[in-house]
């Protein structure tokens, strides 16, 4: 549990980019609301502390004296899972009586991490359950003092705070301020095309393979590679054909076309000329001639 935290947890297999503008937005949001920002890895490693603030005295006392760290981690994981399953923000109270709200960060149509605001108090008094747990008068006095120092959000203002948080999340996602350093889905798409380059490759086949919709695959390829899915397939087939012409100069154009998955050698020649601006026979001639044959 972290006091006044905006929490980002990244899945182990996904490398999330948090653009500098996003970091500034979160810092400003945290400063205005008197909250704290901490970026975590999937393994719980702190990646960045917002405004360089440390954990609050209240949370430290709760973890060290009353509940332990494991209970906080279990709660965080459960709420992360719930936010992904509902694809929405989840607001709840932790076992120490503090409010939190967590929302999934979406990138490329999949959950790439989480942002959590909290913990803040919505009550003016220390929860009675916490008071009863503090048997030692000195501990109770320390806990009450630490609780009073926490950011207070009235129940009336809580709705506005959550609304601001929701708008912030929407802005970050809509403006595509978060992204994947190397999207795993895109890598799988490219790998499928390359492994099946000699076969007929359809958008439906690839969509099923990566577990995404046709539109998601098409949009991802266009946005990340700057080409349509059809052109991606053609480009990989042509590159494979060029590899064949370099490694097997004895192949005829018809044989090269067949090995590269083109059933019609005339179609292959036409497509090659269209995309490479020269006929495949010219490429093969230059490869056969070696450096002396290149002009």
C-alpha atoms as a PDB file:
ATOM      1  CA  UNK A   1       0.000   0.000   0.000  1.00  0.00           C
ATOM      2  CA  UNK A   2       1.308   3.441  -0.925  1.00  0.00           C
ATOM      3  CA  UNK A   3      -0.102   6.696   0.412  1.00  0.00           C
ATOM      4  CA  UNK A   4      -1.389   9.149  -2.189  1.00  0.00           C
ATOM      5  CA  UNK A   5      -0.101   7.084  -5.114  1.00  0.00           C
ATOM      6  CA  UNK A   6      -0.748   6.898  -8.814  1.00  0.00           C
ATOM      7  CA  UNK A   7       0.370   3.333  -9.483  1.00  0.00           C
ATOM      8  CA  UNK A   8       1.539   1.842 -12.783  1.00  0.00           C
ATOM      9  CA  UNK A   9       2.085  -1.904 -12.919  1.00  0.00           C
ATOM     10  CA  UNK A  10       3.446  -3.355 -16.186  1.00  0.00           C
ATOM     11  CA  UNK A  11       2.923  -6.948 -17.212  1.00  0.00           C
ATOM     12  CA  UNK A  12       6.163  -8.871 -17.270  1.00  0.00           C
ATOM     13  CA  UNK A  13       6.009  -9.576 -21.011  1.00  0.00           C
ATOM     14  CA  UNK A  14       5.133  -6.018 -22.036  1.00  0.00           C
ATOM     15  CA  UNK A  15       7.492  -3.068 -22.193  1.00  0.00           C
ATOM     16  CA  UNK A  16       5.370   0.058 -21.721  1.00  0.00           C
ATOM     17  CA  UNK A  17       6.457   3.454 -22.898  1.00  0.00           C
ATOM     18  CA  UNK A  18       5.259   6.315 -20.712  1.00  0.00           C
ATOM     19  CA  UNK A  19       5.860   9.464 -22.724  1.00  0.00           C
ATOM     20  CA  UNK A  20       7.364  12.499 -20.989  1.00  0.00           C
ATOM     21  CA  UNK A  21       4.128  14.445 -21.465  1.00  0.00           C
ATOM     22  CA  UNK A  22       2.240  11.756 -19.552  1.00  0.00           C
ATOM     23  CA  UNK A  23       4.719  11.958 -16.691  1.00  0.00           C
ATOM     24  CA  UNK A  24       4.225  15.709 -16.524  1.00  0.00           C
ATOM     25  CA  UNK A  25       0.426  15.311 -16.562  1.00  0.00           C
ATOM     26  CA  UNK A  26       0.538  12.816 -13.715  1.00  0.00           C
ATOM     27  CA  UNK A  27       2.931  15.014 -11.749  1.00  0.00           C
ATOM     28  CA  UNK A  28       0.641  18.036 -12.144  1.00  0.00           C
ATOM     29  CA  UNK A  29      -2.426  15.970 -11.256  1.00  0.00           C
ATOM     30  CA  UNK A  30      -0.706  14.607  -8.156  1.00  0.00           C
ATOM     31  CA  UNK A  31       0.568  18.025  -7.082  1.00  0.00           C
ATOM     32  CA  UNK A  32      -2.824  19.715  -7.418  1.00  0.00           C
ATOM     33  CA  UNK A  33      -4.628  16.927  -5.539  1.00  0.00           C
ATOM     34  CA  UNK A  34      -1.744  16.533  -3.057  1.00  0.00           C
ATOM     35  CA  UNK A  35      -1.240  12.943  -4.174  1.00  0.00           C
ATOM     36  CA  UNK A  36       1.901  10.893  -4.755  1.00  0.00           C
ATOM     37  CA  UNK A  37       3.010   9.150  -7.978  1.00  0.00           C
ATOM     38  CA  UNK A  38       4.993   5.915  -8.072  1.00  0.00           C
ATOM     39  CA  UNK A  39       5.735   3.793 -11.138  1.00  0.00           C
ATOM     40  CA  UNK A  40       6.158   0.067 -10.486  1.00  0.00           C
ATOM     41  CA  UNK A  41       7.304  -2.840 -12.606  1.00  0.00           C
ATOM     42  CA  UNK A  42       5.288  -6.063 -12.686  1.00  0.00           C
ATOM     43  CA  UNK A  43       7.607  -7.496 -10.061  1.00  0.00           C
ATOM     44  CA  UNK A  44       6.921  -4.591  -7.693  1.00  0.00           C
ATOM     45  CA  UNK A  45      10.116  -2.692  -8.462  1.00  0.00           C
ATOM     46  CA  UNK A  46       9.727   1.073  -8.150  1.00  0.00           C
ATOM     47  CA  UNK A  47      10.576   2.653 -11.498  1.00  0.00           C
ATOM     48  CA  UNK A  48       9.914   6.275 -10.618  1.00  0.00           C
ATOM     49  CA  UNK A  49       8.678   8.277  -7.632  1.00  0.00           C
ATOM     50  CA  UNK A  50       6.444  11.189  -8.476  1.00  0.00           C
ATOM     51  CA  UNK A  51       7.753  14.421  -7.041  1.00  0.00           C
ATOM     52  CA  UNK A  52      10.337  12.282  -5.242  1.00  0.00           C
ATOM     53  CA  UNK A  53       7.948  11.674  -2.336  1.00  0.00           C
ATOM     54  CA  UNK A  54       8.410   8.711  -0.024  1.00  0.00           C
ATOM     55  CA  UNK A  55       5.782   6.447   1.498  1.00  0.00           C
ATOM     56  CA  UNK A  56       3.507   8.086   4.084  1.00  0.00           C
ATOM     57  CA  UNK A  57       3.942   7.550   7.811  1.00  0.00           C
ATOM     58  CA  UNK A  58       0.400   6.144   8.024  1.00  0.00           C
ATOM     59  CA  UNK A  59       0.974   3.426   5.430  1.00  0.00           C
ATOM     60  CA  UNK A  60       4.325   2.581   6.967  1.00  0.00           C
ATOM     61  CA  UNK A  61       2.698   2.114  10.375  1.00  0.00           C
ATOM     62  CA  UNK A  62      -0.132   0.016   8.897  1.00  0.00           C
ATOM     63  CA  UNK A  63       2.324  -2.268   7.125  1.00  0.00           C
ATOM     64  CA  UNK A  64       4.889  -2.571   9.911  1.00  0.00           C
ATOM     65  CA  UNK A  65       2.632  -2.665  12.968  1.00  0.00           C
ATOM     66  CA  UNK A  66      -0.811  -3.966  11.975  1.00  0.00           C
ATOM     67  CA  UNK A  67      -1.255  -5.699   8.601  1.00  0.00           C
ATOM     68  CA  UNK A  68       2.081  -6.497   6.988  1.00  0.00           C
ATOM     69  CA  UNK A  69       3.092  -5.934   3.352  1.00  0.00           C
ATOM     70  CA  UNK A  70       1.583  -9.111   1.876  1.00  0.00           C
ATOM     71  CA  UNK A  71      -2.004  -8.024   2.510  1.00  0.00           C
ATOM     72  CA  UNK A  72      -1.447  -4.797   0.587  1.00  0.00           C
ATOM     73  CA  UNK A  73       0.080  -6.646  -2.366  1.00  0.00           C
ATOM     74  CA  UNK A  74      -2.797  -9.149  -2.473  1.00  0.00           C
ATOM     75  CA  UNK A  75      -5.359  -6.364  -2.525  1.00  0.00           C
ATOM     76  CA  UNK A  76      -3.505  -4.487  -5.286  1.00  0.00           C
ATOM     77  CA  UNK A  77      -3.368  -7.605  -7.476  1.00  0.00           C
ATOM     78  CA  UNK A  78      -7.054  -8.399  -6.942  1.00  0.00           C
ATOM     79  CA  UNK A  79      -8.147  -4.900  -7.941  1.00  0.00           C
ATOM     80  CA  UNK A  80      -5.830  -4.890 -10.970  1.00  0.00           C
ATOM     81  CA  UNK A  81      -7.491  -8.100 -12.143  1.00  0.00           C
ATOM     82  CA  UNK A  82     -10.966  -6.672 -11.546  1.00  0.00           C
ATOM     83  CA  UNK A  83     -10.207  -3.507 -13.514  1.00  0.00           C
ATOM     84  CA  UNK A  84      -9.012  -5.564 -16.494  1.00  0.00           C
ATOM     85  CA  UNK A  85     -12.019  -7.887 -16.380  1.00  0.00           C
ATOM     86  CA  UNK A  86     -14.453  -4.952 -16.263  1.00  0.00           C
ATOM     87  CA  UNK A  87     -12.297  -2.763 -18.544  1.00  0.00           C
ATOM     88  CA  UNK A  88     -13.074   0.168 -16.288  1.00  0.00           C
ATOM     89  CA  UNK A  89     -11.937   2.122 -13.268  1.00  0.00           C
ATOM     90  CA  UNK A  90     -12.495   0.426  -9.895  1.00  0.00           C
ATOM     91  CA  UNK A  91     -12.831   2.541  -6.747  1.00  0.00           C
ATOM     92  CA  UNK A  92     -12.581   0.864  -3.343  1.00  0.00           C
ATOM     93  CA  UNK A  93     -11.460   1.230   0.276  1.00  0.00           C
ATOM     94  CA  UNK A  94      -8.406  -0.639   1.485  1.00  0.00           C
ATOM     95  CA  UNK A  95      -8.215  -2.513   4.803  1.00  0.00           C
ATOM     96  CA  UNK A  96      -6.612   0.548   6.425  1.00  0.00           C
ATOM     97  CA  UNK A  97      -9.680   2.662   5.629  1.00  0.00           C
ATOM     98  CA  UNK A  98      -8.189   4.644   2.736  1.00  0.00           C
ATOM     99  CA  UNK A  99      -9.747   5.178  -0.690  1.00  0.00           C
ATOM    100  CA  UNK A 100      -8.122   4.077  -3.955  1.00  0.00           C
ATOM    101  CA  UNK A 101      -9.142   3.951  -7.612  1.00  0.00           C
ATOM    102  CA  UNK A 102      -7.458   1.834 -10.264  1.00  0.00           C
ATOM    103  CA  UNK A 103      -7.841   1.842 -14.036  1.00  0.00           C
ATOM    104  CA  UNK A 104      -6.212  -0.228 -16.785  1.00  0.00           C
ATOM    105  CA  UNK A 105      -3.935   1.529 -19.270  1.00  0.00           C
ATOM    106  CA  UNK A 106      -4.777   0.331 -22.770  1.00  0.00           C
ATOM    107  CA  UNK A 107      -2.237   0.263 -25.610  1.00  0.00           C
ATOM    108  CA  UNK A 108      -2.777  -1.385 -28.990  1.00  0.00           C
ATOM    109  CA  UNK A 109      -6.146  -2.670 -27.821  1.00  0.00           C
ATOM    110  CA  UNK A 110      -4.780  -4.589 -24.842  1.00  0.00           C
ATOM    111  CA  UNK A 111      -4.156  -3.803 -21.166  1.00  0.00           C
ATOM    112  CA  UNK A 112      -0.551  -2.657 -20.865  1.00  0.00           C
ATOM    113  CA  UNK A 113      -0.567  -1.656 -17.206  1.00  0.00           C
ATOM    114  CA  UNK A 114      -2.529   0.111 -14.506  1.00  0.00           C
ATOM    115  CA  UNK A 115      -2.791   3.566 -12.970  1.00  0.00           C
ATOM    116  CA  UNK A 116      -4.082   3.868  -9.420  1.00  0.00           C
ATOM    117  CA  UNK A 117      -4.858   7.022  -7.467  1.00  0.00           C
ATOM    118  CA  UNK A 118      -4.716   6.806  -3.732  1.00  0.00           C
ATOM    119  CA  UNK A 119      -4.525   6.427  -0.986  1.00  0.00           C
ATOM    120  CA  UNK A 120      -6.544   9.322   0.443  1.00  0.00           C
ATOM    121  CA  UNK A 121      -8.971   9.518   3.331  1.00  0.00           C
ATOM    122  CA  UNK A 122     -12.666  10.358   2.956  1.00  0.00           C
ATOM    123  CA  UNK A 123     -13.291  10.488   6.704  1.00  0.00           C
ATOM    124  CA  UNK A 124     -12.248  13.062   9.260  1.00  0.00           C
ATOM    125  CA  UNK A 125     -11.678  10.426  11.930  1.00  0.00           C
ATOM    126  CA  UNK A 126      -9.471   7.361  12.161  1.00  0.00           C
ATOM    127  CA  UNK A 127     -11.549   4.234  11.347  1.00  0.00           C
ATOM    128  CA  UNK A 128     -12.831   2.612  14.543  1.00  0.00           C
ATOM    129  CA  UNK A 129     -11.470  -0.783  13.475  1.00  0.00           C
ATOM    130  CA  UNK A 130      -7.956   0.639  13.223  1.00  0.00           C
ATOM    131  CA  UNK A 131      -8.345   2.376  16.579  1.00  0.00           C
ATOM    132  CA  UNK A 132      -9.282  -0.923  18.270  1.00  0.00           C
ATOM    133  CA  UNK A 133      -6.243  -2.654  16.775  1.00  0.00           C
ATOM    134  CA  UNK A 134      -3.882  -0.094  18.308  1.00  0.00           C
ATOM    135  CA  UNK A 135      -3.598  -1.528  21.828  1.00  0.00           C
ATOM    136  CA  UNK A 136      -0.553   0.560  22.661  1.00  0.00           C
ATOM    137  CA  UNK A 137      -1.512   4.191  23.472  1.00  0.00           C
ATOM    138  CA  UNK A 138       1.734   5.474  21.969  1.00  0.00           C
ATOM    139  CA  UNK A 139       1.047   3.564  18.738  1.00  0.00           C
ATOM    140  CA  UNK A 140      -2.513   4.913  18.627  1.00  0.00           C
ATOM    141  CA  UNK A 141      -1.274   8.478  19.039  1.00  0.00           C
ATOM    142  CA  UNK A 142       1.258   7.998  16.221  1.00  0.00           C
ATOM    143  CA  UNK A 143      -1.355   6.434  13.945  1.00  0.00           C
ATOM    144  CA  UNK A 144      -3.875   9.241  14.595  1.00  0.00           C
ATOM    145  CA  UNK A 145      -1.242  11.888  13.861  1.00  0.00           C
ATOM    146  CA  UNK A 146      -0.204  10.137  10.633  1.00  0.00           C
ATOM    147  CA  UNK A 147      -3.842   9.694   9.572  1.00  0.00           C
ATOM    148  CA  UNK A 148      -4.582  13.395  10.034  1.00  0.00           C
ATOM    149  CA  UNK A 149      -1.640  14.275   7.753  1.00  0.00           C
ATOM    150  CA  UNK A 150      -3.111  12.291   4.842  1.00  0.00           C
ATOM    151  CA  UNK A 151      -4.886  14.036   1.973  1.00  0.00           C
ATOM    152  CA  UNK A 152      -8.595  14.430   2.757  1.00  0.00           C
ATOM    153  CA  UNK A 153     -11.171  14.199  -0.027  1.00  0.00           C
ATOM    154  CA  UNK A 154     -14.752  14.782   1.058  1.00  0.00           C
ATOM    155  CA  UNK A 155     -17.361  12.307  -0.210  1.00  0.00           C
ATOM    156  CA  UNK A 156     -18.907  15.175  -2.168  1.00  0.00           C
ATOM    157  CA  UNK A 157     -15.621  15.905  -3.969  1.00  0.00           C
ATOM    158  CA  UNK A 158     -14.777  12.246  -4.516  1.00  0.00           C
ATOM    159  CA  UNK A 159     -17.060  12.029  -7.551  1.00  0.00           C
ATOM    160  CA  UNK A 160     -15.335  15.033  -9.118  1.00  0.00           C
ATOM    161  CA  UNK A 161     -11.905  13.561  -8.397  1.00  0.00           C
ATOM    162  CA  UNK A 162     -12.825  10.269 -10.048  1.00  0.00           C
ATOM    163  CA  UNK A 163     -14.295  12.178 -12.982  1.00  0.00           C
ATOM    164  CA  UNK A 164     -11.015  14.084 -13.422  1.00  0.00           C
ATOM    165  CA  UNK A 165      -9.062  10.844 -13.180  1.00  0.00           C
ATOM    166  CA  UNK A 166     -11.288   9.222 -15.813  1.00  0.00           C
ATOM    167  CA  UNK A 167     -10.854  12.187 -18.164  1.00  0.00           C
ATOM    168  CA  UNK A 168      -7.085  12.075 -17.634  1.00  0.00           C
ATOM    169  CA  UNK A 169      -7.023   8.388 -18.562  1.00  0.00           C
ATOM    170  CA  UNK A 170      -9.180   8.988 -21.644  1.00  0.00           C
ATOM    171  CA  UNK A 171      -6.899  11.841 -22.741  1.00  0.00           C
ATOM    172  CA  UNK A 172      -3.759   9.737 -22.352  1.00  0.00           C
ATOM    173  CA  UNK A 173      -5.202   6.834 -24.346  1.00  0.00           C
ATOM    174  CA  UNK A 174      -6.945   8.966 -27.003  1.00  0.00           C
ATOM    175  CA  UNK A 175      -3.810  11.015 -27.646  1.00  0.00           C
ATOM    176  CA  UNK A 176      -1.822   7.756 -27.819  1.00  0.00           C
ATOM    177  CA  UNK A 177       0.632   9.007 -25.209  1.00  0.00           C
ATOM    178  CA  UNK A 178       1.308   5.441 -24.159  1.00  0.00           C
ATOM    179  CA  UNK A 179       2.537   2.752 -26.448  1.00  0.00           C
ATOM    180  CA  UNK A 180       4.431  -0.496 -26.561  1.00  0.00           C
ATOM    181  CA  UNK A 181       8.149  -0.260 -27.216  1.00  0.00           C
ATOM    182  CA  UNK A 182       7.811  -3.309 -29.439  1.00  0.00           C
ATOM    183  CA  UNK A 183       4.278  -4.617 -29.581  1.00  0.00           C
ATOM    184  CA  UNK A 184       4.100  -8.347 -29.032  1.00  0.00           C
ATOM    185  CA  UNK A 185       1.035  -8.655 -31.245  1.00  0.00           C
ATOM    186  CA  UNK A 186       2.825  -6.961 -34.135  1.00  0.00           C
ATOM    187  CA  UNK A 187       5.833  -9.230 -33.653  1.00  0.00           C
ATOM    188  CA  UNK A 188       3.577 -12.274 -33.807  1.00  0.00           C
ATOM    189  CA  UNK A 189       1.891 -10.963 -36.964  1.00  0.00           C
ATOM    190  CA  UNK A 190       5.228 -10.479 -38.704  1.00  0.00           C
ATOM    191  CA  UNK A 191       6.491 -13.843 -37.526  1.00  0.00           C
ATOM    192  CA  UNK A 192       3.377 -15.609 -38.855  1.00  0.00           C
ATOM    193  CA  UNK A 193       3.748 -13.956 -42.259  1.00  0.00           C
ATOM    194  CA  UNK A 194       7.427 -14.867 -42.483  1.00  0.00           C
ATOM    195  CA  UNK A 195       6.867 -18.463 -41.382  1.00  0.00           C
ATOM    196  CA  UNK A 196       4.026 -18.954 -43.875  1.00  0.00           C
ATOM    197  CA  UNK A 197       5.435 -16.836 -46.676  1.00  0.00           C
ATOM    198  CA  UNK A 198       5.198 -19.717 -49.191  1.00  0.00           C
ATOM    199  CA  UNK A 199       1.495 -20.180 -48.448  1.00  0.00           C
ATOM    200  CA  UNK A 200      -1.631 -18.143 -49.048  1.00  0.00           C
ATOM    201  CA  UNK A 201      -1.882 -15.737 -46.125  1.00  0.00           C
ATOM    202  CA  UNK A 202      -5.185 -14.085 -45.264  1.00  0.00           C
ATOM    203  CA  UNK A 203      -6.147 -11.476 -42.705  1.00  0.00           C
ATOM    204  CA  UNK A 204      -8.566 -13.982 -41.163  1.00  0.00           C
ATOM    205  CA  UNK A 205      -5.779 -16.531 -40.629  1.00  0.00           C
ATOM    206  CA  UNK A 206      -3.533 -14.002 -38.883  1.00  0.00           C
ATOM    207  CA  UNK A 207      -6.360 -12.544 -36.759  1.00  0.00           C
ATOM    208  CA  UNK A 208      -7.174 -16.007 -35.401  1.00  0.00           C
ATOM    209  CA  UNK A 209      -3.485 -16.744 -34.794  1.00  0.00           C
ATOM    210  CA  UNK A 210      -2.859 -13.619 -32.692  1.00  0.00           C
ATOM    211  CA  UNK A 211      -6.292 -13.646 -31.035  1.00  0.00           C
ATOM    212  CA  UNK A 212      -7.317 -10.216 -32.296  1.00  0.00           C
ATOM    213  CA  UNK A 213     -10.049  -8.916 -34.599  1.00  0.00           C
ATOM    214  CA  UNK A 214      -9.457  -8.295 -38.303  1.00  0.00           C
ATOM    215  CA  UNK A 215      -9.766  -4.546 -37.769  1.00  0.00           C
ATOM    216  CA  UNK A 216      -7.262  -4.560 -34.882  1.00  0.00           C
ATOM    217  CA  UNK A 217      -4.666  -6.436 -36.950  1.00  0.00           C
ATOM    218  CA  UNK A 218      -5.220  -4.195 -39.958  1.00  0.00           C
ATOM    219  CA  UNK A 219      -5.029  -0.982 -37.924  1.00  0.00           C
ATOM    220  CA  UNK A 220      -1.943  -2.110 -36.017  1.00  0.00           C
ATOM    221  CA  UNK A 221      -0.021  -2.990 -39.178  1.00  0.00           C
ATOM    222  CA  UNK A 222      -0.971   0.270 -40.878  1.00  0.00           C
ATOM    223  CA  UNK A 223      -0.095   2.436 -37.872  1.00  0.00           C
ATOM    224  CA  UNK A 224       3.136   0.710 -36.877  1.00  0.00           C
ATOM    225  CA  UNK A 225       4.525  -0.274 -40.286  1.00  0.00           C
ATOM    226  CA  UNK A 226       2.945   2.381 -42.488  1.00  0.00           C
ATOM    227  CA  UNK A 227       1.435  -0.139 -44.913  1.00  0.00           C
ATOM    228  CA  UNK A 228      -1.689  -2.209 -45.385  1.00  0.00           C
ATOM    229  CA  UNK A 229      -1.812  -5.843 -44.341  1.00  0.00           C
ATOM    230  CA  UNK A 230      -1.922  -6.853 -48.016  1.00  0.00           C
ATOM    231  CA  UNK A 231       1.217  -4.851 -48.731  1.00  0.00           C
ATOM    232  CA  UNK A 232       2.945  -6.407 -45.714  1.00  0.00           C
ATOM    233  CA  UNK A 233       2.325  -9.884 -47.130  1.00  0.00           C
ATOM    234  CA  UNK A 234       3.499  -8.841 -50.597  1.00  0.00           C
ATOM    235  CA  UNK A 235       6.627  -7.165 -49.218  1.00  0.00           C
ATOM    236  CA  UNK A 236       7.616 -10.262 -47.233  1.00  0.00           C
ATOM    237  CA  UNK A 237       6.990 -12.542 -50.214  1.00  0.00           C
ATOM    238  CA  UNK A 238       9.107 -10.319 -52.447  1.00  0.00           C
ATOM    239  CA  UNK A 239      11.911 -10.238 -49.901  1.00  0.00           C
ATOM    240  CA  UNK A 240      11.808 -14.005 -49.706  1.00  0.00           C
ATOM    241  CA  UNK A 241      11.915 -14.206 -53.509  1.00  0.00           C
ATOM    242  CA  UNK A 242      14.968 -11.922 -53.518  1.00  0.00           C
ATOM    243  CA  UNK A 243      16.609 -14.159 -50.937  1.00  0.00           C
ATOM    244  CA  UNK A 244      16.003 -17.124 -53.243  1.00  0.00           C
ATOM    245  CA  UNK A 245      17.467 -15.286 -56.220  1.00  0.00           C
ATOM    246  CA  UNK A 246      20.601 -14.487 -54.208  1.00  0.00           C
ATOM    247  CA  UNK A 247      21.052 -17.971 -52.798  1.00  0.00           C
ATOM    248  CA  UNK A 248      19.822 -19.953 -55.813  1.00  0.00           C
ATOM    249  CA  UNK A 249      20.857 -18.113 -58.971  1.00  0.00           C
ATOM    250  CA  UNK A 250      20.154 -21.310 -60.904  1.00  0.00           C
ATOM    251  CA  UNK A 251      16.405 -20.926 -60.273  1.00  0.00           C
ATOM    252  CA  UNK A 252      14.312 -19.624 -63.147  1.00  0.00           C
ATOM    253  CA  UNK A 253      11.882 -16.767 -62.512  1.00  0.00           C
ATOM    254  CA  UNK A 254       9.037 -19.287 -62.590  1.00  0.00           C
ATOM    255  CA  UNK A 255      10.765 -21.498 -60.000  1.00  0.00           C
ATOM    256  CA  UNK A 256      11.512 -18.506 -57.801  1.00  0.00           C
ATOM    257  CA  UNK A 257       7.877 -17.399 -57.985  1.00  0.00           C
ATOM    258  CA  UNK A 258       6.627 -20.867 -57.045  1.00  0.00           C
ATOM    259  CA  UNK A 259       8.982 -21.207 -54.067  1.00  0.00           C
ATOM    260  CA  UNK A 260       7.925 -17.746 -52.853  1.00  0.00           C
ATOM    261  CA  UNK A 261       4.243 -18.718 -52.873  1.00  0.00           C
ATOM    262  CA  UNK A 262       3.181 -17.141 -56.182  1.00  0.00           C
ATOM    263  CA  UNK A 263       1.168 -19.605 -58.274  1.00  0.00           C
ATOM    264  CA  UNK A 264       1.350 -17.401 -61.369  1.00  0.00           C
ATOM    265  CA  UNK A 265       4.885 -16.330 -62.468  1.00  0.00           C
ATOM    266  CA  UNK A 266       3.404 -13.557 -64.651  1.00  0.00           C
ATOM    267  CA  UNK A 267       1.576 -12.156 -61.628  1.00  0.00           C
ATOM    268  CA  UNK A 268       4.820 -12.376 -59.637  1.00  0.00           C
ATOM    269  CA  UNK A 269       6.710 -10.436 -62.319  1.00  0.00           C
ATOM    270  CA  UNK A 270       4.001  -7.805 -62.506  1.00  0.00           C
ATOM    271  CA  UNK A 271       3.883  -7.352 -58.713  1.00  0.00           C
ATOM    272  CA  UNK A 272       7.672  -7.275 -58.436  1.00  0.00           C
ATOM    273  CA  UNK A 273       7.945  -4.579 -61.106  1.00  0.00           C
ATOM    274  CA  UNK A 274       5.203  -2.552 -59.426  1.00  0.00           C
ATOM    275  CA  UNK A 275       6.842  -2.568 -55.983  1.00  0.00           C
ATOM    276  CA  UNK A 276      10.528  -2.706 -56.902  1.00  0.00           C
ATOM    277  CA  UNK A 277      10.376  -0.605 -60.082  1.00  0.00           C
ATOM    278  CA  UNK A 278      12.477  -3.184 -61.975  1.00  0.00           C
ATOM    279  CA  UNK A 279      11.652  -6.655 -63.328  1.00  0.00           C
ATOM    280  CA  UNK A 280      12.789  -9.639 -61.208  1.00  0.00           C
ATOM    281  CA  UNK A 281      15.040 -10.731 -64.079  1.00  0.00           C
ATOM    282  CA  UNK A 282      17.053  -7.513 -63.658  1.00  0.00           C
ATOM    283  CA  UNK A 283      17.481  -8.134 -59.913  1.00  0.00           C
ATOM    284  CA  UNK A 284      18.621 -11.679 -60.625  1.00  0.00           C
ATOM    285  CA  UNK A 285      21.027 -10.491 -63.330  1.00  0.00           C
ATOM    286  CA  UNK A 286      22.662  -8.007 -60.955  1.00  0.00           C
ATOM    287  CA  UNK A 287      22.946 -10.656 -58.226  1.00  0.00           C
ATOM    288  CA  UNK A 288      24.561 -13.101 -60.641  1.00  0.00           C
ATOM    289  CA  UNK A 289      27.014 -10.493 -61.962  1.00  0.00           C
ATOM    290  CA  UNK A 290      28.162  -9.557 -58.461  1.00  0.00           C
ATOM    291  CA  UNK A 291      29.738  -6.176 -57.591  1.00  0.00           C
ATOM    292  CA  UNK A 292      31.102  -5.733 -61.160  1.00  0.00           C
ATOM    293  CA  UNK A 293      27.613  -6.006 -62.560  1.00  0.00           C
ATOM    294  CA  UNK A 294      26.202  -3.215 -60.380  1.00  0.00           C
ATOM    295  CA  UNK A 295      26.209   0.253 -61.765  1.00  0.00           C
END
